[in-house]
N, C-alpha and C. Protein backbone atom coordinates (compact mmCIF):
# COMPACT_ATOMS: atom_id res chain seq x y z
N MET A 1 113.76 72.13 132.51
CA MET A 1 113.57 72.67 131.15
C MET A 1 114.46 73.91 130.96
N LYS A 2 115.11 73.97 129.83
CA LYS A 2 115.95 75.13 129.52
C LYS A 2 115.07 76.35 129.28
N SER A 3 115.51 77.50 129.77
CA SER A 3 114.77 78.75 129.61
C SER A 3 115.56 79.73 128.76
N ALA A 4 114.84 80.59 128.06
CA ALA A 4 115.49 81.62 127.25
C ALA A 4 114.59 82.84 127.20
N LEU A 5 115.20 84.01 127.16
CA LEU A 5 114.48 85.25 126.95
C LEU A 5 114.57 85.59 125.46
N LEU A 6 113.45 85.99 124.87
CA LEU A 6 113.41 86.30 123.44
C LEU A 6 112.97 87.73 123.22
N LEU A 7 113.75 88.49 122.47
CA LEU A 7 113.31 89.81 122.04
C LEU A 7 112.29 89.60 120.92
N ALA A 8 111.03 89.90 121.20
CA ALA A 8 109.95 89.62 120.26
C ALA A 8 109.29 90.93 119.82
N SER A 9 109.09 91.06 118.51
CA SER A 9 108.52 92.30 117.98
C SER A 9 107.22 92.09 117.22
N GLY A 10 106.88 90.84 116.95
CA GLY A 10 105.74 90.55 116.09
C GLY A 10 106.12 90.47 114.62
N GLY A 11 107.41 90.65 114.32
CA GLY A 11 107.89 90.57 112.95
C GLY A 11 108.27 89.14 112.57
N LEU A 12 108.61 88.97 111.31
CA LEU A 12 108.89 87.63 110.78
C LEU A 12 110.09 86.98 111.46
N ASP A 13 111.17 87.74 111.64
CA ASP A 13 112.42 87.15 112.13
C ASP A 13 112.29 86.63 113.56
N SER A 14 111.85 87.49 114.48
CA SER A 14 111.76 87.07 115.88
C SER A 14 110.68 86.01 116.07
N THR A 15 109.62 86.08 115.29
CA THR A 15 108.56 85.07 115.41
C THR A 15 109.06 83.71 114.94
N THR A 16 109.88 83.70 113.91
CA THR A 16 110.45 82.43 113.44
C THR A 16 111.37 81.83 114.50
N VAL A 17 112.16 82.67 115.15
CA VAL A 17 113.00 82.19 116.25
C VAL A 17 112.12 81.61 117.36
N ALA A 18 111.01 82.27 117.66
CA ALA A 18 110.10 81.79 118.70
C ALA A 18 109.60 80.39 118.39
N TYR A 19 109.20 80.16 117.15
CA TYR A 19 108.69 78.84 116.77
C TYR A 19 109.79 77.78 116.82
N ASP A 20 110.99 78.16 116.46
CA ASP A 20 112.10 77.22 116.51
C ASP A 20 112.41 76.82 117.96
N LEU A 21 112.46 77.81 118.85
CA LEU A 21 112.73 77.52 120.26
C LEU A 21 111.61 76.68 120.86
N ASP A 22 110.38 76.99 120.48
CA ASP A 22 109.23 76.24 121.00
C ASP A 22 109.31 74.78 120.59
N GLN A 23 109.70 74.53 119.35
CA GLN A 23 109.80 73.15 118.89
C GLN A 23 110.94 72.40 119.58
N GLN A 24 111.92 73.15 120.10
CA GLN A 24 113.01 72.53 120.84
C GLN A 24 112.64 72.25 122.29
N GLY A 25 111.44 72.68 122.69
CA GLY A 25 111.00 72.45 124.06
C GLY A 25 111.57 73.43 125.06
N ILE A 26 112.03 74.58 124.60
CA ILE A 26 112.61 75.60 125.48
C ILE A 26 111.50 76.48 126.05
N ASP A 27 111.62 76.81 127.33
CA ASP A 27 110.66 77.69 128.01
C ASP A 27 111.01 79.14 127.65
N VAL A 28 110.24 79.73 126.75
CA VAL A 28 110.57 81.04 126.20
C VAL A 28 109.83 82.15 126.95
N HIS A 29 110.58 83.18 127.33
CA HIS A 29 110.02 84.37 127.97
C HIS A 29 110.13 85.52 126.97
N PRO A 30 109.06 85.82 126.22
CA PRO A 30 109.15 86.89 125.22
C PRO A 30 109.17 88.28 125.89
N MET A 31 109.96 89.17 125.31
CA MET A 31 110.14 90.53 125.83
C MET A 31 109.91 91.50 124.68
N PHE A 32 109.00 92.46 124.88
CA PHE A 32 108.63 93.42 123.84
C PHE A 32 108.97 94.83 124.31
N PHE A 33 109.58 95.62 123.41
CA PHE A 33 109.96 96.99 123.75
C PHE A 33 109.05 98.01 123.07
N ASP A 34 108.52 98.91 123.88
CA ASP A 34 107.89 100.13 123.38
C ASP A 34 108.95 101.21 123.47
N TYR A 35 109.56 101.53 122.32
CA TYR A 35 110.59 102.57 122.32
C TYR A 35 110.07 103.86 121.70
N GLY A 36 108.75 103.96 121.61
CA GLY A 36 108.14 105.15 121.05
C GLY A 36 107.82 105.01 119.58
N GLN A 37 107.97 103.82 119.01
CA GLN A 37 107.69 103.61 117.60
C GLN A 37 106.22 103.89 117.30
N HIS A 38 105.96 104.51 116.16
CA HIS A 38 104.58 104.88 115.84
C HIS A 38 103.67 103.67 115.66
N CYS A 39 104.25 102.52 115.35
CA CYS A 39 103.46 101.31 115.12
C CYS A 39 103.40 100.41 116.36
N VAL A 40 103.66 100.98 117.54
CA VAL A 40 103.80 100.15 118.73
C VAL A 40 102.56 99.32 119.03
N GLU A 41 101.37 99.88 118.83
CA GLU A 41 100.17 99.13 119.22
C GLU A 41 99.89 97.97 118.27
N ILE A 42 100.11 98.19 116.97
CA ILE A 42 99.89 97.06 116.06
C ILE A 42 100.96 96.00 116.26
N GLU A 43 102.20 96.42 116.56
CA GLU A 43 103.24 95.43 116.86
C GLU A 43 102.88 94.64 118.11
N TRP A 44 102.41 95.34 119.13
CA TRP A 44 102.05 94.68 120.38
C TRP A 44 100.90 93.69 120.16
N ASN A 45 99.91 94.11 119.39
CA ASN A 45 98.80 93.20 119.08
C ASN A 45 99.28 91.99 118.31
N ARG A 46 100.16 92.21 117.35
CA ARG A 46 100.61 91.09 116.52
C ARG A 46 101.50 90.14 117.31
N VAL A 47 102.37 90.69 118.17
CA VAL A 47 103.26 89.79 118.92
C VAL A 47 102.44 88.89 119.85
N ASN A 48 101.32 89.39 120.35
CA ASN A 48 100.44 88.57 121.17
C ASN A 48 99.66 87.56 120.33
N GLU A 49 99.50 87.86 119.06
CA GLU A 49 98.73 86.99 118.16
C GLU A 49 99.57 85.88 117.53
N VAL A 50 100.82 86.19 117.17
CA VAL A 50 101.56 85.27 116.31
C VAL A 50 102.48 84.30 117.04
N LEU A 51 102.77 84.55 118.31
CA LEU A 51 103.63 83.61 119.03
C LEU A 51 102.91 82.27 119.22
N PRO A 52 103.66 81.19 119.36
CA PRO A 52 103.02 79.88 119.58
C PRO A 52 102.02 79.94 120.72
N SER A 53 100.91 79.26 120.57
CA SER A 53 99.77 79.42 121.48
C SER A 53 100.09 79.05 122.93
N LYS A 54 100.98 78.09 123.13
CA LYS A 54 101.29 77.65 124.49
C LYS A 54 102.48 78.39 125.09
N MET A 55 103.05 79.32 124.36
CA MET A 55 104.19 80.07 124.86
C MET A 55 103.73 81.10 125.88
N ARG A 56 104.59 81.46 126.80
CA ARG A 56 104.29 82.52 127.76
C ARG A 56 103.89 83.80 127.04
N LYS A 57 103.02 84.57 127.66
CA LYS A 57 102.63 85.85 127.10
C LYS A 57 103.81 86.82 127.19
N PRO A 58 103.98 87.67 126.19
CA PRO A 58 105.11 88.60 126.23
C PRO A 58 104.96 89.66 127.31
N GLU A 59 106.10 90.07 127.87
CA GLU A 59 106.14 91.21 128.77
C GLU A 59 106.46 92.46 127.96
N ARG A 60 105.78 93.55 128.29
CA ARG A 60 105.99 94.81 127.57
C ARG A 60 106.76 95.78 128.45
N PHE A 61 107.82 96.37 127.89
CA PHE A 61 108.66 97.31 128.61
C PHE A 61 108.69 98.64 127.87
N ASP A 62 108.43 99.71 128.59
CA ASP A 62 108.37 101.05 128.01
C ASP A 62 109.70 101.77 128.19
N ILE A 63 110.41 102.00 127.08
CA ILE A 63 111.66 102.77 127.11
C ILE A 63 111.54 103.97 126.17
N SER A 64 110.29 104.39 125.93
CA SER A 64 110.03 105.41 124.92
C SER A 64 110.58 106.78 125.27
N ASP A 65 110.72 107.07 126.56
CA ASP A 65 111.21 108.40 126.95
C ASP A 65 112.61 108.66 126.42
N ILE A 66 113.37 107.62 126.24
CA ILE A 66 114.76 107.79 125.78
C ILE A 66 114.80 108.42 124.40
N PHE A 67 113.84 108.12 123.56
CA PHE A 67 113.84 108.64 122.19
C PHE A 67 112.83 109.76 121.98
N ARG A 68 112.38 110.36 123.08
CA ARG A 68 111.45 111.48 122.97
C ARG A 68 112.09 112.62 122.18
N GLY A 69 111.37 113.14 121.18
CA GLY A 69 111.88 114.22 120.36
C GLY A 69 112.68 113.75 119.16
N SER A 70 112.80 112.43 118.97
CA SER A 70 113.55 111.91 117.83
C SER A 70 112.91 112.31 116.51
N SER A 71 113.75 112.60 115.53
CA SER A 71 113.25 112.92 114.19
C SER A 71 113.10 111.69 113.32
N SER A 72 113.47 110.52 113.84
CA SER A 72 113.36 109.28 113.07
C SER A 72 111.93 109.04 112.65
N LEU A 73 111.74 108.60 111.42
CA LEU A 73 110.39 108.30 110.94
C LEU A 73 109.89 106.95 111.44
N LEU A 74 110.69 106.27 112.26
CA LEU A 74 110.17 105.14 113.01
C LEU A 74 109.44 105.63 114.26
N ILE A 75 109.79 106.83 114.71
CA ILE A 75 109.15 107.43 115.88
C ILE A 75 108.02 108.37 115.44
N LYS A 76 108.34 109.22 114.50
CA LYS A 76 107.37 110.18 113.96
C LYS A 76 106.89 109.65 112.61
N GLU A 77 105.63 109.27 112.54
CA GLU A 77 105.12 108.60 111.34
C GLU A 77 105.16 109.52 110.12
N ALA A 78 105.62 108.95 109.02
CA ALA A 78 105.70 109.70 107.77
C ALA A 78 104.32 109.85 107.14
N ASN A 79 104.18 110.88 106.32
CA ASN A 79 103.01 111.02 105.47
C ASN A 79 103.35 110.33 104.15
N LEU A 80 102.79 109.16 103.93
CA LEU A 80 103.18 108.36 102.77
C LEU A 80 102.74 108.97 101.45
N TRP A 81 101.86 109.98 101.51
CA TRP A 81 101.44 110.66 100.30
C TRP A 81 102.42 111.74 99.87
N THR A 82 103.15 112.29 100.83
CA THR A 82 104.00 113.45 100.50
C THR A 82 105.48 113.23 100.81
N ASP A 83 105.81 112.35 101.75
CA ASP A 83 107.20 112.21 102.19
C ASP A 83 107.95 111.16 101.36
N ASP A 84 109.17 111.49 101.02
CA ASP A 84 110.06 110.54 100.34
C ASP A 84 110.93 109.89 101.40
N VAL A 85 110.52 108.71 101.86
CA VAL A 85 111.17 108.05 102.98
C VAL A 85 112.42 107.31 102.51
N LYS A 86 113.56 107.66 103.11
CA LYS A 86 114.84 107.01 102.80
C LYS A 86 115.32 106.23 104.02
N ASP A 87 116.26 105.32 103.78
CA ASP A 87 116.79 104.49 104.86
C ASP A 87 117.27 105.33 106.04
N ASP A 88 118.00 106.40 105.74
CA ASP A 88 118.58 107.21 106.81
C ASP A 88 117.50 107.84 107.69
N ASP A 89 116.33 108.08 107.13
CA ASP A 89 115.25 108.71 107.89
C ASP A 89 114.69 107.79 108.97
N LEU A 90 114.99 106.51 108.87
CA LEU A 90 114.44 105.51 109.78
C LEU A 90 115.39 105.13 110.90
N TYR A 91 116.55 105.72 110.92
CA TYR A 91 117.56 105.35 111.92
C TYR A 91 117.17 105.84 113.31
N VAL A 92 117.27 104.95 114.30
CA VAL A 92 117.06 105.30 115.71
C VAL A 92 118.39 105.03 116.42
N PRO A 93 119.08 106.06 116.90
CA PRO A 93 120.44 105.89 117.40
C PRO A 93 120.55 104.94 118.59
N TYR A 94 121.46 103.98 118.46
CA TYR A 94 121.80 103.03 119.52
C TYR A 94 120.62 102.18 119.98
N ARG A 95 119.60 102.08 119.17
CA ARG A 95 118.41 101.34 119.57
C ARG A 95 118.74 99.88 119.87
N THR A 96 119.44 99.23 118.96
CA THR A 96 119.72 97.80 119.15
C THR A 96 120.64 97.57 120.34
N MET A 97 121.62 98.44 120.53
CA MET A 97 122.50 98.31 121.68
C MET A 97 121.71 98.45 122.98
N LEU A 98 120.75 99.37 122.98
CA LEU A 98 119.89 99.53 124.15
C LEU A 98 119.05 98.28 124.39
N PHE A 99 118.51 97.71 123.32
CA PHE A 99 117.73 96.47 123.45
C PHE A 99 118.57 95.36 124.10
N PHE A 100 119.78 95.20 123.61
CA PHE A 100 120.64 94.15 124.13
C PHE A 100 120.96 94.37 125.61
N ALA A 101 121.29 95.60 125.98
CA ALA A 101 121.63 95.89 127.37
C ALA A 101 120.44 95.65 128.29
N ALA A 102 119.25 96.12 127.87
CA ALA A 102 118.06 95.93 128.69
C ALA A 102 117.69 94.46 128.79
N ALA A 103 117.84 93.73 127.69
CA ALA A 103 117.52 92.30 127.71
C ALA A 103 118.46 91.54 128.63
N ALA A 104 119.75 91.88 128.58
CA ALA A 104 120.71 91.21 129.45
C ALA A 104 120.39 91.49 130.91
N ALA A 105 120.03 92.74 131.22
CA ALA A 105 119.70 93.10 132.59
C ALA A 105 118.46 92.36 133.07
N ARG A 106 117.44 92.30 132.20
CA ARG A 106 116.20 91.60 132.57
C ARG A 106 116.45 90.10 132.73
N ALA A 107 117.20 89.53 131.81
CA ALA A 107 117.47 88.09 131.85
C ALA A 107 118.17 87.70 133.14
N GLN A 108 119.24 88.41 133.48
CA GLN A 108 119.96 88.05 134.70
C GLN A 108 119.10 88.30 135.94
N THR A 109 118.25 89.32 135.89
CA THR A 109 117.36 89.61 137.01
C THR A 109 116.43 88.44 137.30
N VAL A 110 115.92 87.80 136.26
CA VAL A 110 114.96 86.70 136.46
C VAL A 110 115.63 85.34 136.37
N GLY A 111 116.96 85.32 136.33
CA GLY A 111 117.69 84.06 136.39
C GLY A 111 117.78 83.30 135.08
N ILE A 112 117.74 84.03 133.97
CA ILE A 112 117.88 83.41 132.65
C ILE A 112 119.22 83.84 132.05
N LEU A 113 119.95 82.89 131.47
CA LEU A 113 121.29 83.20 130.98
C LEU A 113 121.39 83.22 129.46
N GLU A 114 120.30 82.87 128.76
CA GLU A 114 120.32 82.86 127.30
C GLU A 114 119.29 83.85 126.76
N VAL A 115 119.75 84.77 125.91
CA VAL A 115 118.87 85.73 125.26
C VAL A 115 118.91 85.47 123.76
N TYR A 116 117.74 85.36 123.14
CA TYR A 116 117.64 85.12 121.70
C TYR A 116 117.04 86.34 121.00
N THR A 117 117.53 86.61 119.81
CA THR A 117 116.99 87.68 118.98
C THR A 117 116.79 87.16 117.56
N GLY A 118 115.98 87.88 116.80
CA GLY A 118 115.76 87.53 115.40
C GLY A 118 116.55 88.40 114.45
N PHE A 119 117.53 89.16 114.96
CA PHE A 119 118.27 90.07 114.08
C PHE A 119 119.01 89.30 112.99
N ILE A 120 118.91 89.83 111.77
CA ILE A 120 119.67 89.28 110.66
C ILE A 120 120.70 90.31 110.24
N ASN A 121 121.63 89.89 109.41
CA ASN A 121 122.69 90.79 108.94
C ASN A 121 122.06 91.82 108.02
N SER A 122 121.84 93.03 108.53
CA SER A 122 121.06 94.03 107.82
C SER A 122 121.84 94.71 106.71
N ASN A 123 121.15 94.99 105.62
CA ASN A 123 121.72 95.78 104.53
C ASN A 123 121.25 97.24 104.58
N HIS A 124 120.46 97.58 105.59
CA HIS A 124 119.93 98.93 105.67
C HIS A 124 121.05 99.91 106.01
N ALA A 125 121.02 101.05 105.38
CA ALA A 125 122.15 101.98 105.39
C ALA A 125 122.66 102.32 106.77
N LYS A 126 121.77 102.64 107.70
CA LYS A 126 122.19 103.16 108.99
C LYS A 126 122.19 102.14 110.11
N GLU A 127 121.71 100.94 109.84
CA GLU A 127 121.57 99.98 110.92
C GLU A 127 122.88 99.24 111.19
N ILE A 128 123.91 100.01 111.55
CA ILE A 128 125.22 99.42 111.80
C ILE A 128 125.21 98.54 113.04
N ASP A 129 124.22 98.72 113.95
CA ASP A 129 124.15 97.87 115.12
C ASP A 129 123.19 96.71 114.91
N CYS A 130 122.93 96.38 113.64
CA CYS A 130 122.16 95.17 113.29
C CYS A 130 122.97 94.27 112.37
N THR A 131 124.27 94.47 112.31
CA THR A 131 125.11 93.66 111.44
C THR A 131 125.72 92.50 112.21
N SER A 132 126.13 91.48 111.49
CA SER A 132 126.79 90.35 112.15
C SER A 132 128.10 90.79 112.79
N LYS A 133 128.78 91.76 112.18
CA LYS A 133 130.03 92.27 112.74
C LYS A 133 129.79 92.88 114.11
N PHE A 134 128.72 93.69 114.23
CA PHE A 134 128.38 94.30 115.52
C PHE A 134 128.05 93.22 116.55
N MET A 135 127.25 92.23 116.15
CA MET A 135 126.85 91.19 117.09
C MET A 135 128.03 90.36 117.55
N ASN A 136 128.98 90.11 116.66
CA ASN A 136 130.17 89.36 117.04
C ASN A 136 130.98 90.12 118.08
N LYS A 137 131.07 91.44 117.92
CA LYS A 137 131.78 92.25 118.91
C LYS A 137 131.02 92.26 120.23
N LEU A 138 129.70 92.26 120.16
CA LEU A 138 128.88 92.25 121.36
C LEU A 138 129.11 90.97 122.15
N ASP A 139 129.30 89.86 121.45
CA ASP A 139 129.61 88.60 122.13
C ASP A 139 130.85 88.74 122.99
N GLY A 140 131.88 89.37 122.42
CA GLY A 140 133.11 89.55 123.16
C GLY A 140 132.93 90.43 124.38
N LEU A 141 132.07 91.44 124.26
CA LEU A 141 131.81 92.34 125.38
C LEU A 141 131.08 91.61 126.50
N THR A 142 130.01 90.91 126.16
CA THR A 142 129.23 90.25 127.20
C THR A 142 130.00 89.11 127.86
N ASN A 143 130.91 88.49 127.13
CA ASN A 143 131.72 87.43 127.71
C ASN A 143 132.54 87.93 128.89
N SER A 144 132.86 89.22 128.88
CA SER A 144 133.75 89.77 129.90
C SER A 144 133.02 90.47 131.04
N ILE A 145 131.70 90.70 130.92
CA ILE A 145 131.03 91.49 131.96
C ILE A 145 129.87 90.77 132.65
N GLY A 146 129.52 89.58 132.22
CA GLY A 146 128.40 88.91 132.89
C GLY A 146 128.11 87.55 132.30
N PRO A 147 127.19 86.81 132.91
CA PRO A 147 126.91 85.43 132.49
C PRO A 147 125.93 85.31 131.34
N VAL A 148 125.22 86.38 130.99
CA VAL A 148 124.20 86.29 129.94
C VAL A 148 124.85 86.18 128.56
N ARG A 149 124.31 85.29 127.75
CA ARG A 149 124.84 85.09 126.40
C ARG A 149 123.74 85.36 125.37
N PHE A 150 124.13 85.97 124.26
CA PHE A 150 123.20 86.31 123.20
C PHE A 150 123.28 85.31 122.07
N ASN A 151 122.13 84.96 121.54
CA ASN A 151 122.03 84.04 120.42
C ASN A 151 121.18 84.68 119.33
N SER A 152 121.76 84.86 118.16
CA SER A 152 121.04 85.41 117.01
C SER A 152 121.16 84.40 115.88
N PRO A 153 120.26 83.43 115.83
CA PRO A 153 120.40 82.31 114.89
C PRO A 153 120.47 82.74 113.43
N PHE A 154 119.93 83.92 113.10
CA PHE A 154 119.91 84.35 111.71
C PHE A 154 120.92 85.46 111.41
N ARG A 155 121.91 85.59 112.26
CA ARG A 155 122.85 86.71 112.08
C ARG A 155 123.60 86.64 110.75
N TYR A 156 123.73 85.45 110.18
CA TYR A 156 124.41 85.31 108.89
C TYR A 156 123.43 84.94 107.77
N SER A 157 122.14 85.00 108.06
CA SER A 157 121.13 84.54 107.11
C SER A 157 120.56 85.68 106.28
N SER A 158 120.04 85.31 105.11
CA SER A 158 119.28 86.26 104.31
C SER A 158 117.83 86.22 104.74
N LYS A 159 117.07 87.21 104.33
CA LYS A 159 115.64 87.23 104.65
C LYS A 159 114.93 86.04 104.01
N ALA A 160 115.36 85.65 102.81
CA ALA A 160 114.75 84.50 102.15
C ALA A 160 114.97 83.23 102.96
N GLU A 161 116.14 83.08 103.55
CA GLU A 161 116.42 81.90 104.37
C GLU A 161 115.55 81.89 105.62
N VAL A 162 115.31 83.09 106.18
CA VAL A 162 114.39 83.18 107.32
C VAL A 162 112.98 82.78 106.89
N ALA A 163 112.55 83.26 105.73
CA ALA A 163 111.22 82.92 105.23
C ALA A 163 111.08 81.42 105.01
N GLU A 164 112.11 80.78 104.49
CA GLU A 164 112.08 79.34 104.28
C GLU A 164 111.94 78.60 105.61
N ALA A 165 112.68 79.08 106.62
CA ALA A 165 112.58 78.47 107.95
C ALA A 165 111.18 78.68 108.52
N ALA A 166 110.62 79.86 108.31
CA ALA A 166 109.27 80.16 108.81
C ALA A 166 108.24 79.22 108.20
N ILE A 167 108.36 78.97 106.91
CA ILE A 167 107.43 78.06 106.23
C ILE A 167 107.55 76.66 106.83
N ARG A 168 108.78 76.23 107.02
CA ARG A 168 109.03 74.89 107.56
C ARG A 168 108.47 74.73 108.98
N LEU A 169 108.54 75.80 109.78
CA LEU A 169 108.14 75.74 111.18
C LEU A 169 106.65 76.03 111.38
N GLY A 170 105.95 76.42 110.32
CA GLY A 170 104.53 76.71 110.44
C GLY A 170 104.22 78.07 111.04
N VAL A 171 105.11 79.04 110.85
CA VAL A 171 104.88 80.39 111.36
C VAL A 171 103.72 81.04 110.59
N PRO A 172 102.81 81.73 111.27
CA PRO A 172 101.73 82.45 110.58
C PRO A 172 102.28 83.72 109.92
N ILE A 173 102.99 83.54 108.83
CA ILE A 173 103.75 84.62 108.20
C ILE A 173 102.88 85.82 107.88
N GLY A 174 101.69 85.58 107.37
CA GLY A 174 100.82 86.66 106.94
C GLY A 174 100.33 87.55 108.06
N ARG A 175 100.47 87.12 109.32
CA ARG A 175 100.03 87.93 110.45
C ARG A 175 101.18 88.65 111.14
N THR A 176 102.41 88.36 110.76
CA THR A 176 103.53 89.09 111.33
C THR A 176 103.57 90.50 110.73
N TYR A 177 104.22 91.42 111.44
CA TYR A 177 104.20 92.83 111.02
C TYR A 177 105.56 93.46 111.27
N SER A 178 106.10 94.09 110.23
CA SER A 178 107.41 94.71 110.40
C SER A 178 107.59 95.94 109.52
N CYS A 179 106.50 96.58 109.15
CA CYS A 179 106.59 97.80 108.34
C CYS A 179 107.22 98.92 109.15
N GLN A 180 108.09 99.70 108.51
CA GLN A 180 108.76 100.80 109.19
C GLN A 180 108.07 102.14 109.00
N ALA A 181 107.27 102.28 107.97
CA ALA A 181 106.77 103.60 107.61
C ALA A 181 105.33 103.86 108.02
N ALA A 182 104.53 102.83 108.21
CA ALA A 182 103.10 103.02 108.49
C ALA A 182 102.72 102.31 109.78
N SER A 183 101.81 102.92 110.53
CA SER A 183 101.45 102.38 111.84
C SER A 183 100.22 101.48 111.82
N GLN A 184 99.47 101.45 110.73
CA GLN A 184 98.24 100.68 110.70
C GLN A 184 98.22 99.61 109.61
N PHE A 185 99.02 99.79 108.58
CA PHE A 185 99.02 98.84 107.47
C PHE A 185 100.42 98.83 106.85
N PRO A 186 100.83 97.72 106.26
CA PRO A 186 102.15 97.68 105.63
C PRO A 186 102.19 98.52 104.37
N CYS A 187 103.19 99.38 104.27
CA CYS A 187 103.23 100.30 103.13
C CYS A 187 103.67 99.62 101.84
N GLY A 188 104.46 98.55 101.95
CA GLY A 188 104.93 97.84 100.78
C GLY A 188 106.12 98.49 100.10
N ALA A 189 106.60 99.62 100.63
CA ALA A 189 107.68 100.35 99.96
C ALA A 189 108.87 100.65 100.85
N CYS A 190 108.73 100.57 102.18
CA CYS A 190 109.85 100.84 103.07
C CYS A 190 110.87 99.70 102.96
N PRO A 191 112.10 99.89 103.46
CA PRO A 191 113.12 98.84 103.34
C PRO A 191 112.67 97.48 103.87
N ASN A 192 112.00 97.47 105.02
CA ASN A 192 111.55 96.19 105.58
C ASN A 192 110.51 95.51 104.70
N CYS A 193 109.54 96.28 104.21
CA CYS A 193 108.50 95.70 103.36
C CYS A 193 109.08 95.14 102.06
N VAL A 194 109.95 95.90 101.43
CA VAL A 194 110.56 95.47 100.17
C VAL A 194 111.38 94.21 100.38
N GLU A 195 112.20 94.20 101.43
CA GLU A 195 113.03 93.04 101.72
C GLU A 195 112.17 91.81 102.00
N ARG A 196 111.10 92.02 102.72
CA ARG A 196 110.20 90.92 103.06
C ARG A 196 109.52 90.34 101.83
N LEU A 197 108.99 91.21 100.96
CA LEU A 197 108.31 90.74 99.76
C LEU A 197 109.26 89.96 98.85
N HIS A 198 110.47 90.46 98.68
CA HIS A 198 111.45 89.75 97.86
C HIS A 198 111.80 88.40 98.49
N ALA A 199 111.91 88.37 99.81
CA ALA A 199 112.26 87.13 100.50
C ALA A 199 111.17 86.08 100.32
N LEU A 200 109.91 86.50 100.42
CA LEU A 200 108.81 85.56 100.25
C LEU A 200 108.75 85.03 98.83
N GLU A 201 109.06 85.90 97.87
CA GLU A 201 109.11 85.44 96.48
C GLU A 201 110.24 84.44 96.29
N ASP A 202 111.42 84.73 96.86
CA ASP A 202 112.57 83.83 96.74
C ASP A 202 112.30 82.49 97.42
N ALA A 203 111.51 82.54 98.50
CA ALA A 203 111.21 81.31 99.23
C ALA A 203 110.08 80.52 98.58
N GLY A 204 109.50 81.08 97.50
CA GLY A 204 108.46 80.37 96.79
C GLY A 204 107.07 80.56 97.37
N LEU A 205 106.91 81.60 98.21
CA LEU A 205 105.61 81.87 98.80
C LEU A 205 105.03 83.09 98.12
N SER A 206 103.98 82.92 97.40
CA SER A 206 103.42 84.01 96.61
C SER A 206 102.80 85.08 97.49
N HIS A 207 102.74 86.29 96.97
CA HIS A 207 102.14 87.42 97.70
C HIS A 207 100.68 87.17 97.99
N SER A 208 100.02 86.46 97.11
CA SER A 208 98.58 86.22 97.33
C SER A 208 98.33 85.32 98.52
N ARG A 209 99.29 84.46 98.82
CA ARG A 209 99.11 83.56 99.96
C ARG A 209 99.58 84.17 101.27
N SER A 210 100.45 85.17 101.19
CA SER A 210 101.00 85.75 102.41
C SER A 210 101.12 87.24 102.27
N LYS A 211 100.05 87.96 102.58
CA LYS A 211 100.09 89.41 102.50
C LYS A 211 101.00 89.96 103.57
N VAL A 212 101.56 91.12 103.30
CA VAL A 212 102.57 91.67 104.18
C VAL A 212 102.02 91.91 105.56
N GLY A 213 100.75 92.24 105.71
CA GLY A 213 100.19 92.54 107.03
C GLY A 213 100.26 91.36 107.93
């Protein structure tokens, strides 16, 4: 059986990739990062809840010390009553590059050569390491330094296209979680929440049927 390591966060994108790989009969090893995000516990709970029932349980890796003292509002939770949260406030420097490096190291350590992610081509202001251009360059880098290969099936997709795939695959969309601003409930106003709500509307899934939480 083919094996793959999956960067899993409990969000819509990575969960949809998980369901797709599961339907292909691939033995998926989910990997979850605690990088100090304020919503780490709800993400961890959701990733254990939303992955396909017969899939391996996710492994949790703590890399939070690296971002200790960060001013990012992904690390330090905003006060949604008083703070005006902007895209730039949510930037965590080199986070995605760190994820990729750690995933490649873990994958080769356990004898897996394929790493999958749910990253899509981001429109968020500071997420330059979540763009298809960045991922294409990363492919060239990994080709020259090791056997591990990265697969981001949605790197050229819109959020609506991911939502459509999720519906088709039977993903429990309403239980996935990807809010950037709040640690206990989806705020509905951060870039991720707004993008998600619009995508569900475009995919024909009403808000009443799929709450952001």
